[in-house]
Amino acid sequence: MPAFTLSKKIFITFFLIAMGTAFFFSCLNSYDRTHFSPKQTVHHYKGNEENHGDGEEFFYPMLYKEVIEIMHVHAFMVPLIIFVMSRILSMARAGEGVKITIYVSAFIGTIMNLSAPYLIIYASEIFTISLIASYIILGSCFIVFMTLPICKMWSMKPAEESDYWL
């Protein structure tokens, strides 16, 4: 990562921390709804009308319009966030293999995350594993997206204001 001025280091650090916090709350929201359990995930998306009465919480099946309403926002925002985080990672001094692994993993995790709700509802309940795995993959990528640039950036000597611009 180029030697940034103190103000740029602070700005990038705060952005990365904010993104990590947002991802944490996204995972917390998903956990609250599904407990990262395949059975609860199926209930969240497909409902559990047939099993209601054995003490479980009742879930209505998600309508096609509900899935589209939720997913169209995610289909725009998640790739954009991954792009920005990848751009910051690309400036860090790390091996190309590490960077490519994170970029590809984040892309695969994003595709898995965006496609899983449709696949759970319309193809097979086995895709709950894909959704849960996508959170693990994306969580691992976010840890690298945050920690590697912050560690590399703060370990370098600050630049003069005129040395670099972003």
N, C-alpha and C. Protein backbone atom coordinates (compact mmCIF):
# COMPACT_ATOMS: atom_id res chain seq x y z
N MET A 1 0.86 -1.16 0.00
CA MET A 1 0.00 0.00 0.00
C MET A 1 0.91 1.22 0.00
N PRO A 2 0.61 2.20 -0.83
CA PRO A 2 1.46 3.39 -0.82
C PRO A 2 1.44 4.05 0.55
N ALA A 3 2.48 4.79 0.81
CA ALA A 3 2.54 5.53 2.07
C ALA A 3 1.54 6.68 2.00
N PHE A 4 0.49 6.60 2.78
CA PHE A 4 -0.55 7.63 2.78
C PHE A 4 -0.31 8.64 3.88
N THR A 5 -0.90 9.81 3.71
CA THR A 5 -0.88 10.81 4.77
C THR A 5 -1.77 10.31 5.91
N LEU A 6 -1.63 10.90 7.06
CA LEU A 6 -2.41 10.50 8.23
C LEU A 6 -3.91 10.61 7.95
N SER A 7 -4.34 11.68 7.29
CA SER A 7 -5.77 11.86 7.04
C SER A 7 -6.32 10.75 6.14
N LYS A 8 -5.55 10.32 5.15
CA LYS A 8 -6.01 9.24 4.27
C LYS A 8 -6.03 7.91 5.00
N LYS A 9 -5.06 7.68 5.87
CA LYS A 9 -5.05 6.45 6.66
C LYS A 9 -6.28 6.38 7.56
N ILE A 10 -6.60 7.49 8.20
CA ILE A 10 -7.76 7.54 9.08
C ILE A 10 -9.04 7.30 8.29
N PHE A 11 -9.16 7.97 7.15
CA PHE A 11 -10.36 7.83 6.30
C PHE A 11 -10.55 6.38 5.87
N ILE A 12 -9.50 5.76 5.35
CA ILE A 12 -9.60 4.38 4.86
C ILE A 12 -9.86 3.42 6.02
N THR A 13 -9.20 3.64 7.15
CA THR A 13 -9.41 2.79 8.32
C THR A 13 -10.86 2.86 8.79
N PHE A 14 -11.40 4.07 8.91
CA PHE A 14 -12.79 4.22 9.35
C PHE A 14 -13.75 3.58 8.36
N PHE A 15 -13.48 3.73 7.07
CA PHE A 15 -14.34 3.10 6.06
C PHE A 15 -14.33 1.58 6.22
N LEU A 16 -13.15 1.01 6.35
CA LEU A 16 -13.04 -0.44 6.48
C LEU A 16 -13.72 -0.95 7.75
N ILE A 17 -13.56 -0.22 8.84
CA ILE A 17 -14.22 -0.60 10.09
C ILE A 17 -15.74 -0.50 9.94
N ALA A 18 -16.22 0.54 9.28
CA ALA A 18 -17.66 0.70 9.05
C ALA A 18 -18.20 -0.45 8.19
N MET A 19 -17.46 -0.85 7.17
CA MET A 19 -17.89 -1.97 6.32
C MET A 19 -17.89 -3.28 7.10
N GLY A 20 -16.88 -3.48 7.92
CA GLY A 20 -16.84 -4.68 8.76
C GLY A 20 -18.00 -4.72 9.74
N THR A 21 -18.32 -3.57 10.31
CA THR A 21 -19.45 -3.48 11.24
C THR A 21 -20.76 -3.77 10.51
N ALA A 22 -20.92 -3.21 9.32
CA ALA A 22 -22.13 -3.46 8.53
C ALA A 22 -22.27 -4.94 8.20
N PHE A 23 -21.16 -5.57 7.83
CA PHE A 23 -21.22 -7.01 7.53
C PHE A 23 -21.56 -7.81 8.78
N PHE A 24 -21.00 -7.42 9.92
CA PHE A 24 -21.31 -8.10 11.17
C PHE A 24 -22.81 -8.05 11.45
N PHE A 25 -23.42 -6.87 11.30
CA PHE A 25 -24.85 -6.75 11.57
C PHE A 25 -25.69 -7.48 10.52
N SER A 26 -25.19 -7.58 9.31
CA SER A 26 -25.87 -8.37 8.29
C SER A 26 -25.89 -9.85 8.69
N CYS A 27 -24.75 -10.32 9.16
CA CYS A 27 -24.68 -11.72 9.63
C CYS A 27 -25.54 -11.92 10.88
N LEU A 28 -25.53 -10.95 11.78
CA LEU A 28 -26.35 -11.04 12.98
C LEU A 28 -27.83 -11.10 12.62
N ASN A 29 -28.24 -10.30 11.64
CA ASN A 29 -29.62 -10.31 11.17
C ASN A 29 -29.97 -11.69 10.59
N SER A 30 -29.08 -12.23 9.79
CA SER A 30 -29.31 -13.55 9.21
C SER A 30 -29.36 -14.62 10.30
N TYR A 31 -28.46 -14.51 11.26
CA TYR A 31 -28.45 -15.48 12.37
C TYR A 31 -29.75 -15.40 13.17
N ASP A 32 -30.24 -14.18 13.40
CA ASP A 32 -31.47 -14.00 14.15
C ASP A 32 -32.65 -14.69 13.46
N ARG A 33 -32.65 -14.66 12.13
CA ARG A 33 -33.75 -15.27 11.38
C ARG A 33 -33.58 -16.78 11.19
N THR A 34 -32.33 -17.24 11.06
CA THR A 34 -32.11 -18.63 10.66
C THR A 34 -31.27 -19.46 11.63
N HIS A 35 -30.59 -18.81 12.55
CA HIS A 35 -29.64 -19.48 13.45
C HIS A 35 -28.59 -20.28 12.68
N PHE A 36 -28.38 -19.92 11.42
CA PHE A 36 -27.46 -20.62 10.52
C PHE A 36 -27.72 -22.12 10.53
N SER A 37 -28.96 -22.47 10.68
CA SER A 37 -29.39 -23.86 10.68
C SER A 37 -30.10 -24.14 9.36
N PRO A 38 -29.79 -25.23 8.69
CA PRO A 38 -30.49 -25.53 7.43
C PRO A 38 -32.01 -25.59 7.61
N LYS A 39 -32.47 -26.20 8.70
CA LYS A 39 -33.92 -26.31 8.93
C LYS A 39 -34.55 -24.93 9.09
N GLN A 40 -33.96 -24.07 9.93
CA GLN A 40 -34.49 -22.73 10.13
C GLN A 40 -34.41 -21.88 8.86
N THR A 41 -33.36 -22.09 8.07
CA THR A 41 -33.22 -21.36 6.81
C THR A 41 -34.33 -21.74 5.85
N VAL A 42 -34.64 -23.02 5.76
CA VAL A 42 -35.75 -23.48 4.92
C VAL A 42 -37.05 -22.87 5.41
N HIS A 43 -37.27 -22.86 6.71
CA HIS A 43 -38.49 -22.26 7.26
C HIS A 43 -38.57 -20.78 6.93
N HIS A 44 -37.44 -20.09 6.98
CA HIS A 44 -37.45 -18.66 6.69
C HIS A 44 -37.89 -18.39 5.25
N TYR A 45 -37.40 -19.17 4.32
CA TYR A 45 -37.70 -18.92 2.91
C TYR A 45 -38.95 -19.64 2.41
N LYS A 46 -39.17 -20.87 2.85
CA LYS A 46 -40.29 -21.66 2.33
C LYS A 46 -41.47 -21.75 3.28
N GLY A 47 -41.30 -21.25 4.50
CA GLY A 47 -42.37 -21.33 5.49
C GLY A 47 -42.40 -22.69 6.15
N ASN A 48 -43.27 -22.81 7.14
CA ASN A 48 -43.42 -24.09 7.85
C ASN A 48 -44.87 -24.33 8.22
N GLU A 49 -45.77 -23.99 7.30
CA GLU A 49 -47.19 -24.13 7.57
C GLU A 49 -47.59 -25.55 7.93
N GLU A 50 -46.97 -26.54 7.26
CA GLU A 50 -47.35 -27.94 7.50
C GLU A 50 -46.90 -28.45 8.86
N ASN A 51 -45.87 -27.85 9.44
CA ASN A 51 -45.34 -28.31 10.73
C ASN A 51 -45.81 -27.45 11.89
N HIS A 52 -46.64 -26.46 11.63
CA HIS A 52 -47.06 -25.58 12.70
C HIS A 52 -47.92 -26.36 13.69
N GLY A 53 -47.62 -26.21 14.94
CA GLY A 53 -48.38 -26.90 15.97
C GLY A 53 -47.50 -27.76 16.85
N ASP A 54 -46.27 -28.00 16.43
CA ASP A 54 -45.38 -28.79 17.29
C ASP A 54 -44.43 -27.89 18.07
N GLY A 55 -44.90 -26.68 18.40
CA GLY A 55 -44.13 -25.77 19.25
C GLY A 55 -43.18 -24.85 18.51
N GLU A 56 -43.05 -24.99 17.20
CA GLU A 56 -42.14 -24.14 16.45
C GLU A 56 -42.79 -22.80 16.12
N GLU A 57 -41.95 -21.81 15.94
CA GLU A 57 -42.43 -20.50 15.50
C GLU A 57 -42.97 -20.64 14.08
N PHE A 58 -44.06 -19.94 13.79
CA PHE A 58 -44.70 -20.03 12.48
C PHE A 58 -44.04 -19.07 11.49
N PHE A 59 -43.75 -19.55 10.29
CA PHE A 59 -43.18 -18.74 9.22
C PHE A 59 -44.07 -18.87 7.99
N TYR A 60 -44.40 -17.73 7.38
CA TYR A 60 -45.07 -17.75 6.09
C TYR A 60 -44.03 -17.97 5.01
N PRO A 61 -44.39 -18.66 3.94
CA PRO A 61 -43.43 -18.78 2.83
C PRO A 61 -43.21 -17.41 2.19
N MET A 62 -41.98 -17.14 1.78
CA MET A 62 -41.69 -15.87 1.11
C MET A 62 -42.31 -15.90 -0.29
N LEU A 63 -42.97 -14.83 -0.63
CA LEU A 63 -43.52 -14.70 -1.97
C LEU A 63 -42.43 -14.32 -2.95
N TYR A 64 -42.66 -14.65 -4.20
CA TYR A 64 -41.70 -14.30 -5.26
C TYR A 64 -41.39 -12.81 -5.23
N LYS A 65 -42.42 -11.98 -5.07
CA LYS A 65 -42.22 -10.52 -5.04
C LYS A 65 -41.36 -10.09 -3.86
N GLU A 66 -41.51 -10.75 -2.73
CA GLU A 66 -40.69 -10.43 -1.56
C GLU A 66 -39.22 -10.75 -1.80
N VAL A 67 -38.98 -11.90 -2.41
CA VAL A 67 -37.61 -12.30 -2.70
C VAL A 67 -36.98 -11.31 -3.68
N ILE A 68 -37.72 -10.95 -4.73
CA ILE A 68 -37.21 -9.99 -5.72
C ILE A 68 -36.94 -8.64 -5.06
N GLU A 69 -37.84 -8.19 -4.20
CA GLU A 69 -37.68 -6.89 -3.54
C GLU A 69 -36.40 -6.85 -2.70
N ILE A 70 -36.14 -7.91 -1.98
CA ILE A 70 -34.94 -7.97 -1.15
C ILE A 70 -33.69 -8.14 -2.00
N MET A 71 -33.76 -9.04 -2.96
CA MET A 71 -32.56 -9.41 -3.70
C MET A 71 -32.11 -8.36 -4.70
N HIS A 72 -33.03 -7.55 -5.23
CA HIS A 72 -32.57 -6.57 -6.23
C HIS A 72 -31.65 -5.54 -5.59
N VAL A 73 -31.90 -5.19 -4.35
CA VAL A 73 -31.02 -4.25 -3.65
C VAL A 73 -29.67 -4.92 -3.38
N HIS A 74 -29.71 -6.15 -2.93
CA HIS A 74 -28.46 -6.87 -2.65
C HIS A 74 -27.66 -7.12 -3.92
N ALA A 75 -28.34 -7.36 -5.02
CA ALA A 75 -27.64 -7.62 -6.29
C ALA A 75 -26.86 -6.40 -6.76
N PHE A 76 -27.27 -5.21 -6.37
CA PHE A 76 -26.51 -4.00 -6.70
C PHE A 76 -25.45 -3.69 -5.65
N MET A 77 -25.84 -3.77 -4.39
CA MET A 77 -24.98 -3.30 -3.32
C MET A 77 -23.81 -4.23 -2.99
N VAL A 78 -24.05 -5.52 -2.92
CA VAL A 78 -22.98 -6.44 -2.52
C VAL A 78 -21.81 -6.39 -3.51
N PRO A 79 -22.04 -6.49 -4.83
CA PRO A 79 -20.89 -6.38 -5.75
C PRO A 79 -20.19 -5.02 -5.66
N LEU A 80 -20.93 -3.97 -5.43
CA LEU A 80 -20.31 -2.64 -5.31
C LEU A 80 -19.42 -2.58 -4.07
N ILE A 81 -19.90 -3.09 -2.97
CA ILE A 81 -19.10 -3.11 -1.74
C ILE A 81 -17.86 -3.98 -1.93
N ILE A 82 -18.04 -5.15 -2.54
CA ILE A 82 -16.90 -6.03 -2.80
C ILE A 82 -15.89 -5.34 -3.72
N PHE A 83 -16.37 -4.60 -4.71
CA PHE A 83 -15.47 -3.88 -5.62
C PHE A 83 -14.64 -2.85 -4.85
N VAL A 84 -15.28 -2.05 -4.02
CA VAL A 84 -14.57 -1.02 -3.27
C VAL A 84 -13.56 -1.65 -2.31
N MET A 85 -13.98 -2.69 -1.62
CA MET A 85 -13.07 -3.37 -0.69
C MET A 85 -11.91 -4.01 -1.46
N SER A 86 -12.19 -4.56 -2.63
CA SER A 86 -11.13 -5.15 -3.46
C SER A 86 -10.16 -4.09 -3.96
N ARG A 87 -10.69 -2.94 -4.29
CA ARG A 87 -9.82 -1.84 -4.75
C ARG A 87 -8.86 -1.41 -3.64
N ILE A 88 -9.35 -1.32 -2.43
CA ILE A 88 -8.49 -0.97 -1.30
C ILE A 88 -7.45 -2.07 -1.08
N LEU A 89 -7.89 -3.33 -1.14
CA LEU A 89 -6.95 -4.44 -0.98
C LEU A 89 -5.90 -4.43 -2.08
N SER A 90 -6.28 -4.04 -3.28
CA SER A 90 -5.33 -4.04 -4.40
C SER A 90 -4.16 -3.09 -4.17
N MET A 91 -4.34 -2.09 -3.32
CA MET A 91 -3.27 -1.14 -3.02
C MET A 91 -2.32 -1.65 -1.94
N ALA A 92 -2.72 -2.71 -1.24
CA ALA A 92 -1.89 -3.26 -0.16
C ALA A 92 -0.73 -4.05 -0.75
N ARG A 93 0.38 -4.00 -0.06
CA ARG A 93 1.55 -4.78 -0.49
C ARG A 93 1.38 -6.21 0.02
N ALA A 94 0.82 -7.01 -0.85
CA ALA A 94 0.62 -8.44 -0.55
C ALA A 94 0.81 -9.18 -1.86
N GLY A 95 1.05 -10.45 -1.78
CA GLY A 95 1.27 -11.26 -2.97
C GLY A 95 0.04 -11.30 -3.87
N GLU A 96 0.29 -11.41 -5.16
CA GLU A 96 -0.80 -11.50 -6.13
C GLU A 96 -1.67 -12.73 -5.87
N GLY A 97 -1.05 -13.81 -5.44
CA GLY A 97 -1.81 -15.03 -5.15
C GLY A 97 -2.83 -14.81 -4.04
N VAL A 98 -2.43 -14.09 -3.01
CA VAL A 98 -3.34 -13.78 -1.90
C VAL A 98 -4.49 -12.93 -2.41
N LYS A 99 -4.17 -11.89 -3.16
CA LYS A 99 -5.20 -10.98 -3.67
C LYS A 99 -6.17 -11.71 -4.60
N ILE A 100 -5.64 -12.50 -5.52
CA ILE A 100 -6.51 -13.23 -6.46
C ILE A 100 -7.40 -14.21 -5.71
N THR A 101 -6.85 -14.89 -4.72
CA THR A 101 -7.64 -15.83 -3.92
C THR A 101 -8.81 -15.11 -3.24
N ILE A 102 -8.55 -13.95 -2.67
CA ILE A 102 -9.61 -13.20 -1.99
C ILE A 102 -10.63 -12.68 -2.99
N TYR A 103 -10.18 -12.15 -4.13
CA TYR A 103 -11.11 -11.65 -5.15
C TYR A 103 -12.03 -12.76 -5.64
N VAL A 104 -11.45 -13.91 -5.98
CA VAL A 104 -12.24 -15.03 -6.51
C VAL A 104 -13.16 -15.57 -5.42
N SER A 105 -12.67 -15.71 -4.21
CA SER A 105 -13.51 -16.20 -3.11
C SER A 105 -14.68 -15.26 -2.85
N ALA A 106 -14.43 -13.96 -2.85
CA ALA A 106 -15.51 -12.99 -2.62
C ALA A 106 -16.54 -13.06 -3.74
N PHE A 107 -16.08 -13.24 -4.98
CA PHE A 107 -17.00 -13.36 -6.11
C PHE A 107 -17.86 -14.62 -5.96
N ILE A 108 -17.22 -15.74 -5.65
CA ILE A 108 -17.96 -17.00 -5.47
C ILE A 108 -18.94 -16.88 -4.30
N GLY A 109 -18.49 -16.30 -3.18
CA GLY A 109 -19.37 -16.11 -2.03
C GLY A 109 -20.56 -15.23 -2.36
N THR A 110 -20.33 -14.19 -3.16
CA THR A 110 -21.41 -13.29 -3.57
C THR A 110 -22.43 -14.02 -4.43
N ILE A 111 -21.95 -14.77 -5.42
CA ILE A 111 -22.86 -15.53 -6.29
C ILE A 111 -23.66 -16.54 -5.47
N MET A 112 -22.99 -17.22 -4.57
CA MET A 112 -23.69 -18.19 -3.71
C MET A 112 -24.74 -17.50 -2.85
N ASN A 113 -24.40 -16.35 -2.29
CA ASN A 113 -25.30 -15.63 -1.40
C ASN A 113 -26.51 -15.09 -2.15
N LEU A 114 -26.29 -14.57 -3.35
CA LEU A 114 -27.39 -13.99 -4.11
C LEU A 114 -28.29 -15.05 -4.73
N SER A 115 -27.74 -16.18 -5.10
CA SER A 115 -28.55 -17.21 -5.76
C SER A 115 -29.24 -18.16 -4.79
N ALA A 116 -28.71 -18.32 -3.60
CA ALA A 116 -29.23 -19.32 -2.66
C ALA A 116 -30.71 -19.16 -2.32
N PRO A 117 -31.22 -17.95 -2.04
CA PRO A 117 -32.65 -17.87 -1.72
C PRO A 117 -33.55 -18.42 -2.83
N TYR A 118 -33.23 -18.10 -4.08
CA TYR A 118 -34.02 -18.62 -5.20
C TYR A 118 -33.89 -20.14 -5.29
N LEU A 119 -32.67 -20.62 -5.13
CA LEU A 119 -32.44 -22.06 -5.23
C LEU A 119 -33.12 -22.82 -4.09
N ILE A 120 -33.14 -22.25 -2.90
CA ILE A 120 -33.80 -22.89 -1.76
C ILE A 120 -35.30 -23.00 -2.03
N ILE A 121 -35.89 -21.92 -2.53
CA ILE A 121 -37.34 -21.88 -2.74
C ILE A 121 -37.76 -22.72 -3.94
N TYR A 122 -37.03 -22.61 -5.05
CA TYR A 122 -37.51 -23.18 -6.31
C TYR A 122 -36.77 -24.43 -6.78
N ALA A 123 -35.63 -24.77 -6.18
CA ALA A 123 -34.89 -25.95 -6.65
C ALA A 123 -34.85 -27.03 -5.56
N SER A 124 -34.06 -26.79 -4.53
CA SER A 124 -33.90 -27.81 -3.49
C SER A 124 -33.47 -27.18 -2.18
N GLU A 125 -33.92 -27.78 -1.11
CA GLU A 125 -33.55 -27.30 0.23
C GLU A 125 -32.07 -27.51 0.53
N ILE A 126 -31.39 -28.33 -0.24
CA ILE A 126 -29.96 -28.58 -0.03
C ILE A 126 -29.15 -27.30 -0.19
N PHE A 127 -29.69 -26.32 -0.90
CA PHE A 127 -28.97 -25.07 -1.12
C PHE A 127 -28.90 -24.20 0.13
N THR A 128 -29.53 -24.64 1.23
CA THR A 128 -29.33 -23.93 2.49
C THR A 128 -27.85 -24.00 2.89
N ILE A 129 -27.22 -25.11 2.56
CA ILE A 129 -25.78 -25.26 2.84
C ILE A 129 -24.99 -24.21 2.06
N SER A 130 -25.41 -23.94 0.84
CA SER A 130 -24.75 -22.92 0.01
C SER A 130 -24.87 -21.54 0.64
N LEU A 131 -26.04 -21.23 1.16
CA LEU A 131 -26.24 -19.92 1.79
C LEU A 131 -25.39 -19.78 3.05
N ILE A 132 -25.39 -20.80 3.87
CA ILE A 132 -24.59 -20.76 5.10
C ILE A 132 -23.10 -20.68 4.75
N ALA A 133 -22.67 -21.45 3.76
CA ALA A 133 -21.27 -21.41 3.32
C ALA A 133 -20.90 -20.05 2.77
N SER A 134 -21.84 -19.38 2.11
CA SER A 134 -21.54 -18.05 1.55
C SER A 134 -21.21 -17.05 2.65
N TYR A 135 -21.88 -17.16 3.80
CA TYR A 135 -21.56 -16.26 4.91
C TYR A 135 -20.16 -16.55 5.47
N ILE A 136 -19.79 -17.80 5.50
CA ILE A 136 -18.44 -18.16 5.97
C ILE A 136 -17.40 -17.63 4.99
N ILE A 137 -17.63 -17.83 3.70
CA ILE A 137 -16.68 -17.36 2.68
C ILE A 137 -16.58 -15.84 2.71
N LEU A 138 -17.73 -15.16 2.68
CA LEU A 138 -17.70 -13.69 2.67
C LEU A 138 -17.13 -13.15 3.97
N GLY A 139 -17.44 -13.78 5.09
CA GLY A 139 -16.87 -13.34 6.37
C GLY A 139 -15.36 -13.45 6.38
N SER A 140 -14.84 -14.55 5.86
CA SER A 140 -13.38 -14.72 5.77
C SER A 140 -12.76 -13.66 4.87
N CYS A 141 -13.42 -13.40 3.75
CA CYS A 141 -12.92 -12.36 2.83
C CYS A 141 -12.95 -10.99 3.49
N PHE A 142 -14.02 -10.68 4.20
CA PHE A 142 -14.11 -9.38 4.86
C PHE A 142 -13.01 -9.20 5.90
N ILE A 143 -12.68 -10.26 6.60
CA ILE A 143 -11.58 -10.17 7.57
C ILE A 143 -10.29 -9.77 6.88
N VAL A 144 -10.01 -10.41 5.74
CA VAL A 144 -8.80 -10.07 4.98
C VAL A 144 -8.92 -8.67 4.38
N PHE A 145 -10.09 -8.35 3.80
CA PHE A 145 -10.32 -7.03 3.22
C PHE A 145 -10.04 -5.92 4.24
N MET A 146 -10.34 -6.19 5.50
CA MET A 146 -10.14 -5.17 6.53
C MET A 146 -8.73 -5.20 7.11
N THR A 147 -8.29 -6.36 7.55
CA THR A 147 -7.05 -6.41 8.33
C THR A 147 -5.80 -6.20 7.50
N LEU A 148 -5.73 -6.78 6.32
CA LEU A 148 -4.51 -6.67 5.53
C LEU A 148 -4.21 -5.22 5.14
N PRO A 149 -5.16 -4.47 4.57
CA PRO A 149 -4.84 -3.07 4.25
C PRO A 149 -4.54 -2.22 5.48
N ILE A 150 -5.29 -2.43 6.56
CA ILE A 150 -5.06 -1.62 7.77
C ILE A 150 -3.66 -1.90 8.32
N CYS A 151 -3.30 -3.17 8.44
CA CYS A 151 -1.97 -3.51 8.97
C CYS A 151 -0.86 -2.98 8.08
N LYS A 152 -0.99 -3.19 6.78
CA LYS A 152 0.05 -2.73 5.85
C LYS A 152 0.14 -1.20 5.84
N MET A 153 -1.00 -0.54 5.85
CA MET A 153 -1.04 0.92 5.76
C MET A 153 -0.44 1.57 7.01
N TRP A 154 -0.79 1.08 8.18
CA TRP A 154 -0.32 1.71 9.41
C TRP A 154 1.12 1.32 9.76
N SER A 155 1.65 0.29 9.10
CA SER A 155 3.04 -0.09 9.38
C SER A 155 4.04 0.70 8.53
N MET A 156 3.54 1.51 7.59
CA MET A 156 4.43 2.29 6.73
C MET A 156 4.57 3.71 7.25
N LYS A 157 5.68 4.33 6.91
CA LYS A 157 5.94 5.72 7.28
C LYS A 157 4.95 6.61 6.52
N PRO A 158 4.38 7.63 7.19
CA PRO A 158 3.43 8.52 6.50
C PRO A 158 4.09 9.29 5.36
N ALA A 159 3.34 9.54 4.33
CA ALA A 159 3.83 10.31 3.18
C ALA A 159 3.58 11.79 3.42
N GLU A 160 4.28 12.58 2.69
CA GLU A 160 3.99 14.01 2.68
C GLU A 160 2.73 14.22 1.86
N GLU A 161 2.03 15.31 2.10
CA GLU A 161 0.77 15.59 1.42
C GLU A 161 0.93 15.59 -0.10
N SER A 162 2.06 16.04 -0.60
CA SER A 162 2.24 16.14 -2.04
C SER A 162 2.74 14.84 -2.68
N ASP A 163 3.11 13.84 -1.88
CA ASP A 163 3.66 12.60 -2.43
C ASP A 163 2.63 11.76 -3.17
N TYR A 164 1.45 11.60 -2.59
CA TYR A 164 0.43 10.76 -3.18
C TYR A 164 -0.91 11.45 -3.08
N TRP A 165 -1.77 11.11 -4.00
CA TRP A 165 -3.15 11.58 -3.89
C TRP A 165 -4.04 10.42 -4.26
N LEU A 166 -5.22 10.43 -3.69
CA LEU A 166 -6.14 9.32 -3.90
C LEU A 166 -7.39 9.80 -4.55
